[in-house]
Amino acid sequence: MQTTRNLLIEQNFQNPVLLLHPLGGWTKDDDVPIHVRIAQYQAFLKEDPDDRLNRSRTVLAIFPSPVCYAGPTEVQWHAKTRMVAGANFYIVGRDPAGIPHPSNKSKDLYEPTHGSRVLTMAPGLNQLHILPFKVAAYHRPSKTMMFYDPSKHEEFDFISGSRMRNIARTGQQPPDGFMLSAGWNVLASYYQSLTVGS
């Protein structure tokens, strides 16, 4: 099977690596703290039996920027700073989402694909290959995370960050295959420690 690494080598990239670069600055009080997120990444890299991220070719480093909830402006900041650091490819997901619409709080202000669309026309980013990340959700029949297929909507469960934190906080278990157990255990332990301390 042709790996992404092999494809990049064929394109004359000498030693491609994956940079996992989670935000390490200020976040909302209810977000997962950086030390917990880093421990989750480390658990995944160490415990994944399939080594899907290729731990020998993955760099895990904290991006010391706050979360500003600034929508498309912030998406451009994230992409530009990674490009300046030497990235050639940038995966953009739901970066501008999660901000409620001012007149309808049940809707997001931005669409899930807004960030990737803005980056395709942002000035100064023409050296960066933008890779839009498809929407993924928990697929009940296969008990795994998969890219969302709108034609099979009823088979998918969108587990939000708020719902995930609530499952961890109340000591429940997520659906089988939602997350590698080593990563889940880190998250659950953190939220259980908050419950014990309160």
N, C-alpha and C. Protein backbone atom coordinates (compact mmCIF):
# COMPACT_ATOMS: atom_id res chain seq x y z
N MET A 1 0.84 -1.19 0.00
CA MET A 1 0.00 0.00 0.00
C MET A 1 0.88 1.25 0.00
N GLN A 2 0.52 2.20 -0.84
CA GLN A 2 1.28 3.44 -0.97
C GLN A 2 0.95 4.36 0.21
N THR A 3 1.95 4.73 1.00
CA THR A 3 1.72 5.61 2.14
C THR A 3 1.87 7.07 1.72
N THR A 4 1.34 7.95 2.55
CA THR A 4 1.49 9.39 2.29
C THR A 4 2.96 9.76 2.24
N ARG A 5 3.75 9.17 3.14
CA ARG A 5 5.19 9.43 3.17
C ARG A 5 5.84 9.07 1.83
N ASN A 6 5.51 7.90 1.30
CA ASN A 6 6.09 7.48 0.02
C ASN A 6 5.68 8.41 -1.11
N LEU A 7 4.43 8.85 -1.08
CA LEU A 7 3.97 9.79 -2.11
C LEU A 7 4.75 11.09 -2.05
N LEU A 8 5.03 11.57 -0.84
CA LEU A 8 5.80 12.81 -0.69
C LEU A 8 7.24 12.63 -1.14
N ILE A 9 7.83 11.49 -0.84
CA ILE A 9 9.20 11.21 -1.28
C ILE A 9 9.26 11.20 -2.81
N GLU A 10 8.24 10.64 -3.46
CA GLU A 10 8.18 10.64 -4.93
C GLU A 10 8.09 12.06 -5.47
N GLN A 11 7.58 13.00 -4.65
CA GLN A 11 7.48 14.41 -5.06
C GLN A 11 8.72 15.20 -4.65
N ASN A 12 9.80 14.48 -4.29
CA ASN A 12 11.10 15.06 -3.95
C ASN A 12 11.18 15.70 -2.57
N PHE A 13 10.26 15.36 -1.66
CA PHE A 13 10.43 15.73 -0.26
C PHE A 13 11.36 14.69 0.35
N GLN A 14 12.51 15.13 0.91
CA GLN A 14 13.54 14.18 1.33
C GLN A 14 13.18 13.41 2.60
N ASN A 15 12.65 14.08 3.60
CA ASN A 15 12.37 13.41 4.87
C ASN A 15 11.09 13.96 5.48
N PRO A 16 9.93 13.67 4.88
CA PRO A 16 8.70 14.25 5.39
C PRO A 16 8.34 13.74 6.78
N VAL A 17 7.89 14.66 7.62
CA VAL A 17 7.45 14.32 8.98
C VAL A 17 6.07 14.95 9.21
N LEU A 18 5.36 14.41 10.17
CA LEU A 18 4.08 14.96 10.58
C LEU A 18 4.31 15.82 11.81
N LEU A 19 3.84 17.06 11.77
CA LEU A 19 3.93 17.96 12.91
C LEU A 19 2.56 18.03 13.57
N LEU A 20 2.46 17.49 14.77
CA LEU A 20 1.25 17.64 15.60
C LEU A 20 1.51 18.86 16.46
N HIS A 21 0.69 19.90 16.30
CA HIS A 21 1.01 21.21 16.84
C HIS A 21 -0.20 21.80 17.58
N PRO A 22 -0.62 21.18 18.70
CA PRO A 22 -1.81 21.68 19.40
C PRO A 22 -1.57 23.04 20.05
N LEU A 23 -2.65 23.83 20.11
CA LEU A 23 -2.58 25.14 20.75
C LEU A 23 -2.30 24.99 22.24
N GLY A 24 -1.32 25.76 22.71
CA GLY A 24 -0.95 25.67 24.12
C GLY A 24 -1.18 26.95 24.89
N GLY A 25 -1.79 27.96 24.24
CA GLY A 25 -2.07 29.20 24.94
C GLY A 25 -3.42 29.15 25.63
N TRP A 26 -3.98 30.32 25.92
CA TRP A 26 -5.24 30.43 26.64
C TRP A 26 -6.37 29.76 25.87
N THR A 27 -7.23 29.05 26.58
CA THR A 27 -8.48 28.52 26.02
C THR A 27 -9.60 28.81 27.02
N LYS A 28 -10.83 28.55 26.59
CA LYS A 28 -11.96 28.71 27.51
C LYS A 28 -11.79 27.79 28.71
N ASP A 29 -12.38 28.18 29.82
CA ASP A 29 -12.23 27.41 31.07
C ASP A 29 -12.69 25.97 30.94
N ASP A 30 -13.68 25.70 30.09
CA ASP A 30 -14.19 24.33 30.00
C ASP A 30 -13.48 23.48 28.94
N ASP A 31 -12.48 24.04 28.27
CA ASP A 31 -11.71 23.26 27.29
C ASP A 31 -10.74 22.33 28.01
N VAL A 32 -10.32 21.29 27.30
CA VAL A 32 -9.35 20.34 27.86
C VAL A 32 -7.99 21.05 27.96
N PRO A 33 -7.36 21.08 29.14
CA PRO A 33 -6.07 21.77 29.29
C PRO A 33 -4.97 21.14 28.43
N ILE A 34 -3.97 21.94 28.13
CA ILE A 34 -2.90 21.50 27.24
C ILE A 34 -2.16 20.28 27.78
N HIS A 35 -1.91 20.20 29.09
CA HIS A 35 -1.15 19.05 29.60
C HIS A 35 -1.93 17.75 29.41
N VAL A 36 -3.25 17.83 29.45
CA VAL A 36 -4.08 16.63 29.23
C VAL A 36 -4.07 16.27 27.75
N ARG A 37 -4.20 17.28 26.88
CA ARG A 37 -4.19 17.01 25.43
C ARG A 37 -2.85 16.42 24.99
N ILE A 38 -1.75 16.96 25.52
CA ILE A 38 -0.42 16.42 25.18
C ILE A 38 -0.31 14.97 25.66
N ALA A 39 -0.78 14.70 26.87
CA ALA A 39 -0.74 13.32 27.39
C ALA A 39 -1.57 12.38 26.52
N GLN A 40 -2.68 12.88 25.98
CA GLN A 40 -3.49 12.06 25.06
C GLN A 40 -2.72 11.74 23.78
N TYR A 41 -2.10 12.76 23.20
CA TYR A 41 -1.29 12.53 22.00
C TYR A 41 -0.19 11.51 22.29
N GLN A 42 0.49 11.69 23.41
CA GLN A 42 1.58 10.77 23.76
C GLN A 42 1.05 9.36 23.94
N ALA A 43 -0.09 9.21 24.57
CA ALA A 43 -0.68 7.88 24.76
C ALA A 43 -1.02 7.25 23.41
N PHE A 44 -1.57 8.06 22.52
CA PHE A 44 -1.93 7.53 21.20
C PHE A 44 -0.68 7.10 20.44
N LEU A 45 0.35 7.94 20.45
CA LEU A 45 1.58 7.61 19.74
C LEU A 45 2.23 6.34 20.30
N LYS A 46 2.16 6.21 21.63
CA LYS A 46 2.81 5.07 22.28
C LYS A 46 2.00 3.78 22.17
N GLU A 47 0.68 3.89 22.30
CA GLU A 47 -0.16 2.70 22.45
C GLU A 47 -0.85 2.22 21.17
N ASP A 48 -0.89 3.04 20.11
CA ASP A 48 -1.60 2.62 18.90
C ASP A 48 -0.91 1.41 18.27
N PRO A 49 -1.54 0.23 18.27
CA PRO A 49 -0.89 -0.97 17.75
C PRO A 49 -0.61 -0.89 16.25
N ASP A 50 -1.39 -0.08 15.53
CA ASP A 50 -1.20 0.05 14.08
C ASP A 50 -0.21 1.15 13.71
N ASP A 51 0.25 1.92 14.71
CA ASP A 51 1.19 3.03 14.49
C ASP A 51 0.74 3.89 13.31
N ARG A 52 -0.52 4.29 13.34
CA ARG A 52 -1.11 5.02 12.21
C ARG A 52 -0.43 6.35 11.93
N LEU A 53 0.13 6.98 12.97
CA LEU A 53 0.80 8.27 12.74
C LEU A 53 2.29 8.10 12.48
N ASN A 54 2.79 6.87 12.53
CA ASN A 54 4.22 6.58 12.34
C ASN A 54 5.04 7.38 13.36
N ARG A 55 5.08 6.86 14.58
CA ARG A 55 5.69 7.59 15.70
C ARG A 55 7.13 7.99 15.44
N SER A 56 7.86 7.26 14.59
CA SER A 56 9.26 7.62 14.33
C SER A 56 9.36 8.83 13.40
N ARG A 57 8.24 9.22 12.79
CA ARG A 57 8.24 10.35 11.84
C ARG A 57 7.25 11.43 12.26
N THR A 58 6.91 11.47 13.56
CA THR A 58 5.95 12.45 14.06
C THR A 58 6.62 13.32 15.11
N VAL A 59 6.45 14.63 14.96
CA VAL A 59 6.96 15.61 15.93
C VAL A 59 5.76 16.19 16.66
N LEU A 60 5.77 16.08 17.97
CA LEU A 60 4.71 16.65 18.81
C LEU A 60 5.28 17.88 19.51
N ALA A 61 4.70 19.05 19.22
CA ALA A 61 5.20 20.30 19.78
C ALA A 61 4.03 21.23 20.07
N ILE A 62 4.12 21.98 21.13
CA ILE A 62 3.05 22.90 21.51
C ILE A 62 3.17 24.19 20.70
N PHE A 63 2.03 24.65 20.16
CA PHE A 63 1.95 25.95 19.48
C PHE A 63 1.46 26.95 20.53
N PRO A 64 2.33 27.85 21.02
CA PRO A 64 1.99 28.67 22.19
C PRO A 64 1.08 29.86 21.89
N SER A 65 0.06 29.63 21.12
CA SER A 65 -0.88 30.71 20.78
C SER A 65 -2.18 30.52 21.55
N PRO A 66 -2.80 31.62 21.96
CA PRO A 66 -4.11 31.47 22.61
C PRO A 66 -5.19 31.14 21.58
N VAL A 67 -6.28 30.62 22.03
CA VAL A 67 -7.45 30.48 21.18
C VAL A 67 -8.21 31.79 21.27
N CYS A 68 -8.33 32.47 20.15
CA CYS A 68 -8.95 33.80 20.15
C CYS A 68 -10.41 33.77 19.71
N TYR A 69 -10.87 32.64 19.17
CA TYR A 69 -12.23 32.52 18.65
C TYR A 69 -12.49 33.64 17.64
N ALA A 70 -11.50 33.86 16.76
CA ALA A 70 -11.56 34.97 15.81
C ALA A 70 -11.94 34.53 14.40
N GLY A 71 -12.48 33.33 14.28
CA GLY A 71 -13.01 32.89 12.99
C GLY A 71 -11.95 32.83 11.90
N PRO A 72 -12.29 33.29 10.66
CA PRO A 72 -11.38 33.17 9.52
C PRO A 72 -10.04 33.88 9.73
N THR A 73 -10.03 34.98 10.50
CA THR A 73 -8.77 35.68 10.78
C THR A 73 -7.81 34.75 11.53
N GLU A 74 -8.35 34.02 12.49
CA GLU A 74 -7.52 33.11 13.27
C GLU A 74 -7.04 31.92 12.44
N VAL A 75 -7.89 31.45 11.54
CA VAL A 75 -7.49 30.34 10.65
C VAL A 75 -6.26 30.76 9.83
N GLN A 76 -6.27 31.99 9.33
CA GLN A 76 -5.14 32.47 8.54
C GLN A 76 -3.88 32.58 9.41
N TRP A 77 -4.03 33.04 10.65
CA TRP A 77 -2.90 33.14 11.57
C TRP A 77 -2.29 31.76 11.81
N HIS A 78 -3.14 30.77 12.07
CA HIS A 78 -2.65 29.40 12.32
C HIS A 78 -1.89 28.86 11.11
N ALA A 79 -2.43 29.07 9.93
CA ALA A 79 -1.78 28.55 8.72
C ALA A 79 -0.46 29.28 8.43
N LYS A 80 -0.48 30.59 8.52
CA LYS A 80 0.72 31.40 8.20
C LYS A 80 1.86 31.08 9.17
N THR A 81 1.58 30.95 10.45
CA THR A 81 2.66 30.67 11.40
C THR A 81 3.25 29.28 11.17
N ARG A 82 2.43 28.31 10.80
CA ARG A 82 2.95 26.97 10.51
C ARG A 82 3.80 27.01 9.23
N MET A 83 3.38 27.81 8.24
CA MET A 83 4.15 27.94 7.00
C MET A 83 5.53 28.55 7.30
N VAL A 84 5.56 29.61 8.13
CA VAL A 84 6.82 30.26 8.50
C VAL A 84 7.73 29.27 9.23
N ALA A 85 7.12 28.32 9.96
CA ALA A 85 7.90 27.31 10.69
C ALA A 85 8.40 26.20 9.78
N GLY A 86 8.02 26.23 8.49
CA GLY A 86 8.53 25.25 7.54
C GLY A 86 7.54 24.23 7.04
N ALA A 87 6.28 24.34 7.42
CA ALA A 87 5.28 23.38 6.94
C ALA A 87 5.00 23.62 5.46
N ASN A 88 4.83 22.53 4.73
CA ASN A 88 4.46 22.60 3.32
C ASN A 88 2.97 22.31 3.10
N PHE A 89 2.39 21.56 4.05
CA PHE A 89 0.99 21.16 3.97
C PHE A 89 0.32 21.55 5.28
N TYR A 90 -0.96 21.91 5.17
CA TYR A 90 -1.69 22.32 6.37
C TYR A 90 -3.09 21.72 6.30
N ILE A 91 -3.42 20.93 7.32
CA ILE A 91 -4.76 20.35 7.37
C ILE A 91 -5.64 21.30 8.16
N VAL A 92 -6.72 21.73 7.54
CA VAL A 92 -7.64 22.64 8.22
C VAL A 92 -8.99 21.95 8.35
N GLY A 93 -9.51 21.98 9.58
CA GLY A 93 -10.80 21.36 9.83
C GLY A 93 -11.84 22.40 10.14
N ARG A 94 -12.39 22.35 11.35
CA ARG A 94 -13.48 23.23 11.75
C ARG A 94 -12.96 24.44 12.53
N ASP A 95 -11.81 24.97 12.18
CA ASP A 95 -11.21 26.06 12.98
C ASP A 95 -12.16 27.22 13.29
N PRO A 96 -12.93 27.73 12.31
CA PRO A 96 -13.75 28.90 12.65
C PRO A 96 -15.09 28.53 13.24
N ALA A 97 -15.41 27.25 13.34
CA ALA A 97 -16.73 26.85 13.83
C ALA A 97 -16.79 26.96 15.35
N GLY A 98 -17.96 26.74 15.88
CA GLY A 98 -18.13 26.76 17.32
C GLY A 98 -18.45 28.13 17.89
N ILE A 99 -18.51 29.14 17.04
CA ILE A 99 -18.90 30.48 17.48
C ILE A 99 -20.39 30.62 17.18
N PRO A 100 -21.22 30.83 18.20
CA PRO A 100 -22.65 30.94 17.92
C PRO A 100 -23.00 32.17 17.10
N HIS A 101 -23.99 32.03 16.26
CA HIS A 101 -24.48 33.16 15.47
C HIS A 101 -25.13 34.17 16.43
N PRO A 102 -24.86 35.47 16.27
CA PRO A 102 -25.37 36.45 17.23
C PRO A 102 -26.90 36.51 17.31
N SER A 103 -27.59 36.23 16.20
CA SER A 103 -29.06 36.33 16.24
C SER A 103 -29.75 34.97 16.36
N ASN A 104 -28.98 33.88 16.23
CA ASN A 104 -29.57 32.53 16.37
C ASN A 104 -28.54 31.63 17.04
N LYS A 105 -28.60 31.56 18.36
CA LYS A 105 -27.58 30.83 19.14
C LYS A 105 -27.54 29.34 18.84
N SER A 106 -28.55 28.79 18.19
CA SER A 106 -28.55 27.36 17.86
C SER A 106 -27.74 27.06 16.61
N LYS A 107 -27.29 28.11 15.91
CA LYS A 107 -26.50 27.94 14.69
C LYS A 107 -25.08 28.48 14.91
N ASP A 108 -24.11 27.90 14.19
CA ASP A 108 -22.76 28.44 14.20
C ASP A 108 -22.70 29.66 13.28
N LEU A 109 -21.82 30.57 13.60
CA LEU A 109 -21.64 31.75 12.76
C LEU A 109 -21.00 31.38 11.42
N TYR A 110 -20.09 30.41 11.46
CA TYR A 110 -19.40 29.99 10.24
C TYR A 110 -19.74 28.54 9.91
N GLU A 111 -19.70 28.22 8.62
CA GLU A 111 -19.90 26.84 8.18
C GLU A 111 -18.64 26.03 8.49
N PRO A 112 -18.76 24.70 8.61
CA PRO A 112 -17.59 23.87 8.93
C PRO A 112 -16.46 24.00 7.90
N THR A 113 -16.79 24.30 6.63
CA THR A 113 -15.76 24.39 5.58
C THR A 113 -15.24 25.81 5.38
N HIS A 114 -15.70 26.74 6.20
CA HIS A 114 -15.34 28.15 6.01
C HIS A 114 -13.83 28.37 6.06
N GLY A 115 -13.16 27.73 7.02
CA GLY A 115 -11.72 27.92 7.17
C GLY A 115 -10.94 27.51 5.93
N SER A 116 -11.24 26.34 5.38
CA SER A 116 -10.49 25.87 4.21
C SER A 116 -10.78 26.75 2.99
N ARG A 117 -12.02 27.25 2.88
CA ARG A 117 -12.34 28.12 1.74
C ARG A 117 -11.61 29.45 1.84
N VAL A 118 -11.54 30.01 3.04
CA VAL A 118 -10.83 31.28 3.24
C VAL A 118 -9.35 31.12 2.89
N LEU A 119 -8.75 30.00 3.30
CA LEU A 119 -7.32 29.81 3.07
C LEU A 119 -6.97 29.66 1.60
N THR A 120 -7.89 29.16 0.79
CA THR A 120 -7.59 29.02 -0.64
C THR A 120 -7.46 30.37 -1.33
N MET A 121 -7.98 31.43 -0.70
CA MET A 121 -7.87 32.76 -1.33
C MET A 121 -7.11 33.77 -0.48
N ALA A 122 -6.54 33.33 0.63
CA ALA A 122 -5.81 34.25 1.51
C ALA A 122 -4.47 34.63 0.89
N PRO A 123 -4.13 35.91 0.86
CA PRO A 123 -2.84 36.31 0.29
C PRO A 123 -1.67 35.83 1.15
N GLY A 124 -0.57 35.50 0.49
CA GLY A 124 0.65 35.11 1.20
C GLY A 124 0.72 33.66 1.61
N LEU A 125 -0.27 32.86 1.24
CA LEU A 125 -0.26 31.45 1.61
C LEU A 125 -0.11 30.53 0.40
N ASN A 126 0.36 31.09 -0.71
CA ASN A 126 0.43 30.29 -1.93
C ASN A 126 1.50 29.21 -1.88
N GLN A 127 2.41 29.24 -0.91
CA GLN A 127 3.42 28.19 -0.78
C GLN A 127 2.89 27.01 0.03
N LEU A 128 1.74 27.19 0.64
CA LEU A 128 1.20 26.19 1.55
C LEU A 128 0.08 25.41 0.85
N HIS A 129 0.20 24.09 0.86
CA HIS A 129 -0.85 23.25 0.29
C HIS A 129 -1.92 23.05 1.37
N ILE A 130 -3.12 23.54 1.10
CA ILE A 130 -4.21 23.45 2.06
C ILE A 130 -4.94 22.13 1.85
N LEU A 131 -5.04 21.34 2.92
CA LEU A 131 -5.72 20.05 2.85
C LEU A 131 -6.98 20.14 3.70
N PRO A 132 -8.15 20.34 3.06
CA PRO A 132 -9.37 20.39 3.86
C PRO A 132 -9.65 19.02 4.47
N PHE A 133 -9.96 19.02 5.75
CA PHE A 133 -10.23 17.77 6.45
C PHE A 133 -11.72 17.49 6.38
N LYS A 134 -12.07 16.34 5.87
CA LYS A 134 -13.49 15.99 5.75
C LYS A 134 -14.11 15.84 7.14
N VAL A 135 -15.40 16.07 7.20
CA VAL A 135 -16.13 15.91 8.46
C VAL A 135 -16.14 14.43 8.83
N ALA A 136 -15.73 14.14 10.05
CA ALA A 136 -15.73 12.76 10.53
C ALA A 136 -16.70 12.65 11.70
N ALA A 137 -17.25 11.47 11.86
CA ALA A 137 -18.19 11.21 12.97
C ALA A 137 -18.11 9.74 13.32
N TYR A 138 -18.71 9.41 14.42
CA TYR A 138 -18.72 8.01 14.87
C TYR A 138 -19.73 7.24 14.03
N HIS A 139 -19.26 6.15 13.38
CA HIS A 139 -20.12 5.31 12.55
C HIS A 139 -20.57 4.11 13.37
N ARG A 140 -21.86 4.09 13.71
CA ARG A 140 -22.38 3.06 14.61
C ARG A 140 -22.21 1.63 14.07
N PRO A 141 -22.56 1.34 12.80
CA PRO A 141 -22.45 -0.05 12.33
C PRO A 141 -21.03 -0.62 12.38
N SER A 142 -20.03 0.21 12.06
CA SER A 142 -18.65 -0.29 12.04
C SER A 142 -17.92 -0.05 13.36
N LYS A 143 -18.55 0.71 14.28
CA LYS A 143 -17.96 1.03 15.59
C LYS A 143 -16.58 1.66 15.44
N THR A 144 -16.51 2.68 14.59
CA THR A 144 -15.26 3.39 14.38
C THR A 144 -15.57 4.81 13.90
N MET A 145 -14.56 5.68 13.93
CA MET A 145 -14.71 7.01 13.36
C MET A 145 -14.51 6.89 11.85
N MET A 146 -15.38 7.55 11.10
CA MET A 146 -15.31 7.51 9.64
C MET A 146 -15.67 8.88 9.08
N PHE A 147 -15.29 9.10 7.80
CA PHE A 147 -15.74 10.32 7.15
C PHE A 147 -17.25 10.23 6.95
N TYR A 148 -17.91 11.33 7.21
CA TYR A 148 -19.37 11.39 7.18
C TYR A 148 -19.91 11.23 5.77
N ASP A 149 -20.91 10.37 5.63
CA ASP A 149 -21.61 10.15 4.37
C ASP A 149 -23.05 10.62 4.56
N PRO A 150 -23.42 11.78 3.96
CA PRO A 150 -24.77 12.31 4.18
C PRO A 150 -25.89 11.35 3.75
N SER A 151 -25.60 10.46 2.81
CA SER A 151 -26.64 9.53 2.36
C SER A 151 -26.93 8.45 3.41
N LYS A 152 -26.05 8.34 4.42
CA LYS A 152 -26.25 7.37 5.51
C LYS A 152 -26.29 8.09 6.86
N HIS A 153 -26.90 9.24 6.87
CA HIS A 153 -26.90 10.13 8.04
C HIS A 153 -27.28 9.40 9.33
N GLU A 154 -28.31 8.54 9.26
CA GLU A 154 -28.81 7.88 10.48
C GLU A 154 -27.80 6.92 11.09
N GLU A 155 -26.74 6.55 10.34
CA GLU A 155 -25.72 5.64 10.86
C GLU A 155 -24.65 6.36 11.67
N PHE A 156 -24.64 7.69 11.63
CA PHE A 156 -23.56 8.46 12.25
C PHE A 156 -24.01 9.15 13.53
N ASP A 157 -23.08 9.28 14.45
CA ASP A 157 -23.31 9.96 15.72
C ASP A 157 -22.23 11.04 15.85
N PHE A 158 -22.65 12.30 15.89
CA PHE A 158 -21.71 13.41 16.03
C PHE A 158 -21.51 13.67 17.52
N ILE A 159 -20.36 13.26 18.03
CA ILE A 159 -20.06 13.41 19.45
C ILE A 159 -19.26 14.70 19.63
N SER A 160 -19.93 15.72 20.14
CA SER A 160 -19.28 17.03 20.29
C SER A 160 -18.27 16.99 21.43
N GLY A 161 -17.43 18.02 21.48
CA GLY A 161 -16.47 18.13 22.58
C GLY A 161 -17.18 18.24 23.92
N SER A 162 -18.29 18.99 23.96
CA SER A 162 -19.04 19.13 25.21
C SER A 162 -19.60 17.79 25.65
N ARG A 163 -20.15 17.04 24.72
CA ARG A 163 -20.71 15.72 25.07
C ARG A 163 -19.61 14.77 25.52
N MET A 164 -18.47 14.82 24.82
CA MET A 164 -17.34 13.95 25.18
C MET A 164 -16.86 14.26 26.60
N ARG A 165 -16.75 15.54 26.93
CA ARG A 165 -16.31 15.92 28.27
C ARG A 165 -17.31 15.48 29.33
N ASN A 166 -18.61 15.56 29.00
CA ASN A 166 -19.64 15.13 29.94
C ASN A 166 -19.58 13.62 30.17
N ILE A 167 -19.33 12.84 29.12
CA ILE A 167 -19.21 11.39 29.26
C ILE A 167 -18.04 11.07 30.20
N ALA A 168 -16.92 11.77 29.98
CA ALA A 168 -15.74 11.54 30.83
C ALA A 168 -16.01 11.96 32.27
N ARG A 169 -16.66 13.11 32.44
CA ARG A 169 -16.92 13.66 33.78
C ARG A 169 -17.83 12.76 34.61
N THR A 170 -18.81 12.13 33.94
CA THR A 170 -19.79 11.31 34.67
C THR A 170 -19.36 9.85 34.78
N GLY A 171 -18.16 9.52 34.31
CA GLY A 171 -17.64 8.16 34.46
C GLY A 171 -18.23 7.15 33.49
N GLN A 172 -18.93 7.64 32.47
CA GLN A 172 -19.46 6.73 31.45
C GLN A 172 -18.35 6.32 30.49
N GLN A 173 -18.65 5.39 29.63
CA GLN A 173 -17.71 4.98 28.58
C GLN A 173 -18.22 5.46 27.23
N PRO A 174 -17.33 5.94 26.37
CA PRO A 174 -17.77 6.33 25.03
C PRO A 174 -18.09 5.07 24.22
N PRO A 175 -18.73 5.20 23.07
CA PRO A 175 -18.99 4.02 22.24
C PRO A 175 -17.67 3.34 21.86
N ASP A 176 -17.68 2.02 21.74
CA ASP A 176 -16.49 1.26 21.31
C ASP A 176 -15.98 1.82 19.99
N GLY A 177 -14.68 2.07 19.91
CA GLY A 177 -14.07 2.55 18.68
C GLY A 177 -14.07 4.06 18.51
N PHE A 178 -14.65 4.79 19.47
CA PHE A 178 -14.67 6.25 19.36
C PHE A 178 -13.27 6.83 19.50
N MET A 179 -12.49 6.30 20.43
CA MET A 179 -11.15 6.80 20.70
C MET A 179 -10.31 5.64 21.22
N LEU A 180 -9.03 5.65 20.89
CA LEU A 180 -8.12 4.65 21.44
C LEU A 180 -8.22 4.68 22.96
N SER A 181 -8.34 3.52 23.59
CA SER A 181 -8.60 3.48 25.03
C SER A 181 -7.52 4.20 25.84
N ALA A 182 -6.26 4.14 25.40
CA ALA A 182 -5.20 4.83 26.14
C ALA A 182 -5.44 6.34 26.18
N GLY A 183 -5.88 6.91 25.07
CA GLY A 183 -6.19 8.34 25.02
C GLY A 183 -7.42 8.68 25.84
N TRP A 184 -8.44 7.82 25.77
CA TRP A 184 -9.65 8.05 26.55
C TRP A 184 -9.35 8.02 28.05
N ASN A 185 -8.53 7.07 28.47
CA ASN A 185 -8.21 6.94 29.89
C ASN A 185 -7.56 8.20 30.44
N VAL A 186 -6.72 8.85 29.64
CA VAL A 186 -6.09 10.11 30.06
C VAL A 186 -7.17 11.17 30.30
N LEU A 187 -8.08 11.30 29.34
CA LEU A 187 -9.14 12.30 29.45
C LEU A 187 -10.08 11.99 30.62
N ALA A 188 -10.49 10.74 30.74
CA ALA A 188 -11.42 10.35 31.80
C ALA A 188 -10.79 10.56 33.18
N SER A 189 -9.51 10.21 33.31
CA SER A 189 -8.83 10.39 34.60
C SER A 189 -8.80 11.86 35.00
N TYR A 190 -8.55 12.74 34.03
CA TYR A 190 -8.52 14.16 34.33
C TYR A 190 -9.88 14.64 34.83
N TYR A 191 -10.95 14.30 34.11
CA TYR A 191 -12.28 14.78 34.51
C TYR A 191 -12.77 14.12 35.79
N GLN A 192 -12.38 12.85 36.02
CA GLN A 192 -12.72 12.20 37.28
C GLN A 192 -12.02 12.88 38.45
N SER A 193 -10.79 13.34 38.23
CA SER A 193 -10.06 14.03 39.31
C SER A 193 -10.74 15.35 39.66
N LEU A 194 -11.37 16.02 38.70
CA LEU A 194 -12.09 17.25 38.99
C LEU A 194 -13.35 16.98 39.80
N THR A 195 -14.00 15.86 39.49
CA THR A 195 -15.22 15.48 40.21
C THR A 195 -14.91 15.15 41.66
N VAL A 196 -13.80 14.43 41.87
CA VAL A 196 -13.40 14.05 43.23
C VAL A 196 -13.05 15.30 44.04
N GLY A 197 -12.39 16.27 43.38
CA GLY A 197 -11.95 17.47 44.10
C GLY A 197 -13.05 18.45 44.40
N SER A 198 -14.23 18.30 43.74
CA SER A 198 -15.29 19.30 43.96
C SER A 198 -16.24 18.93 45.07
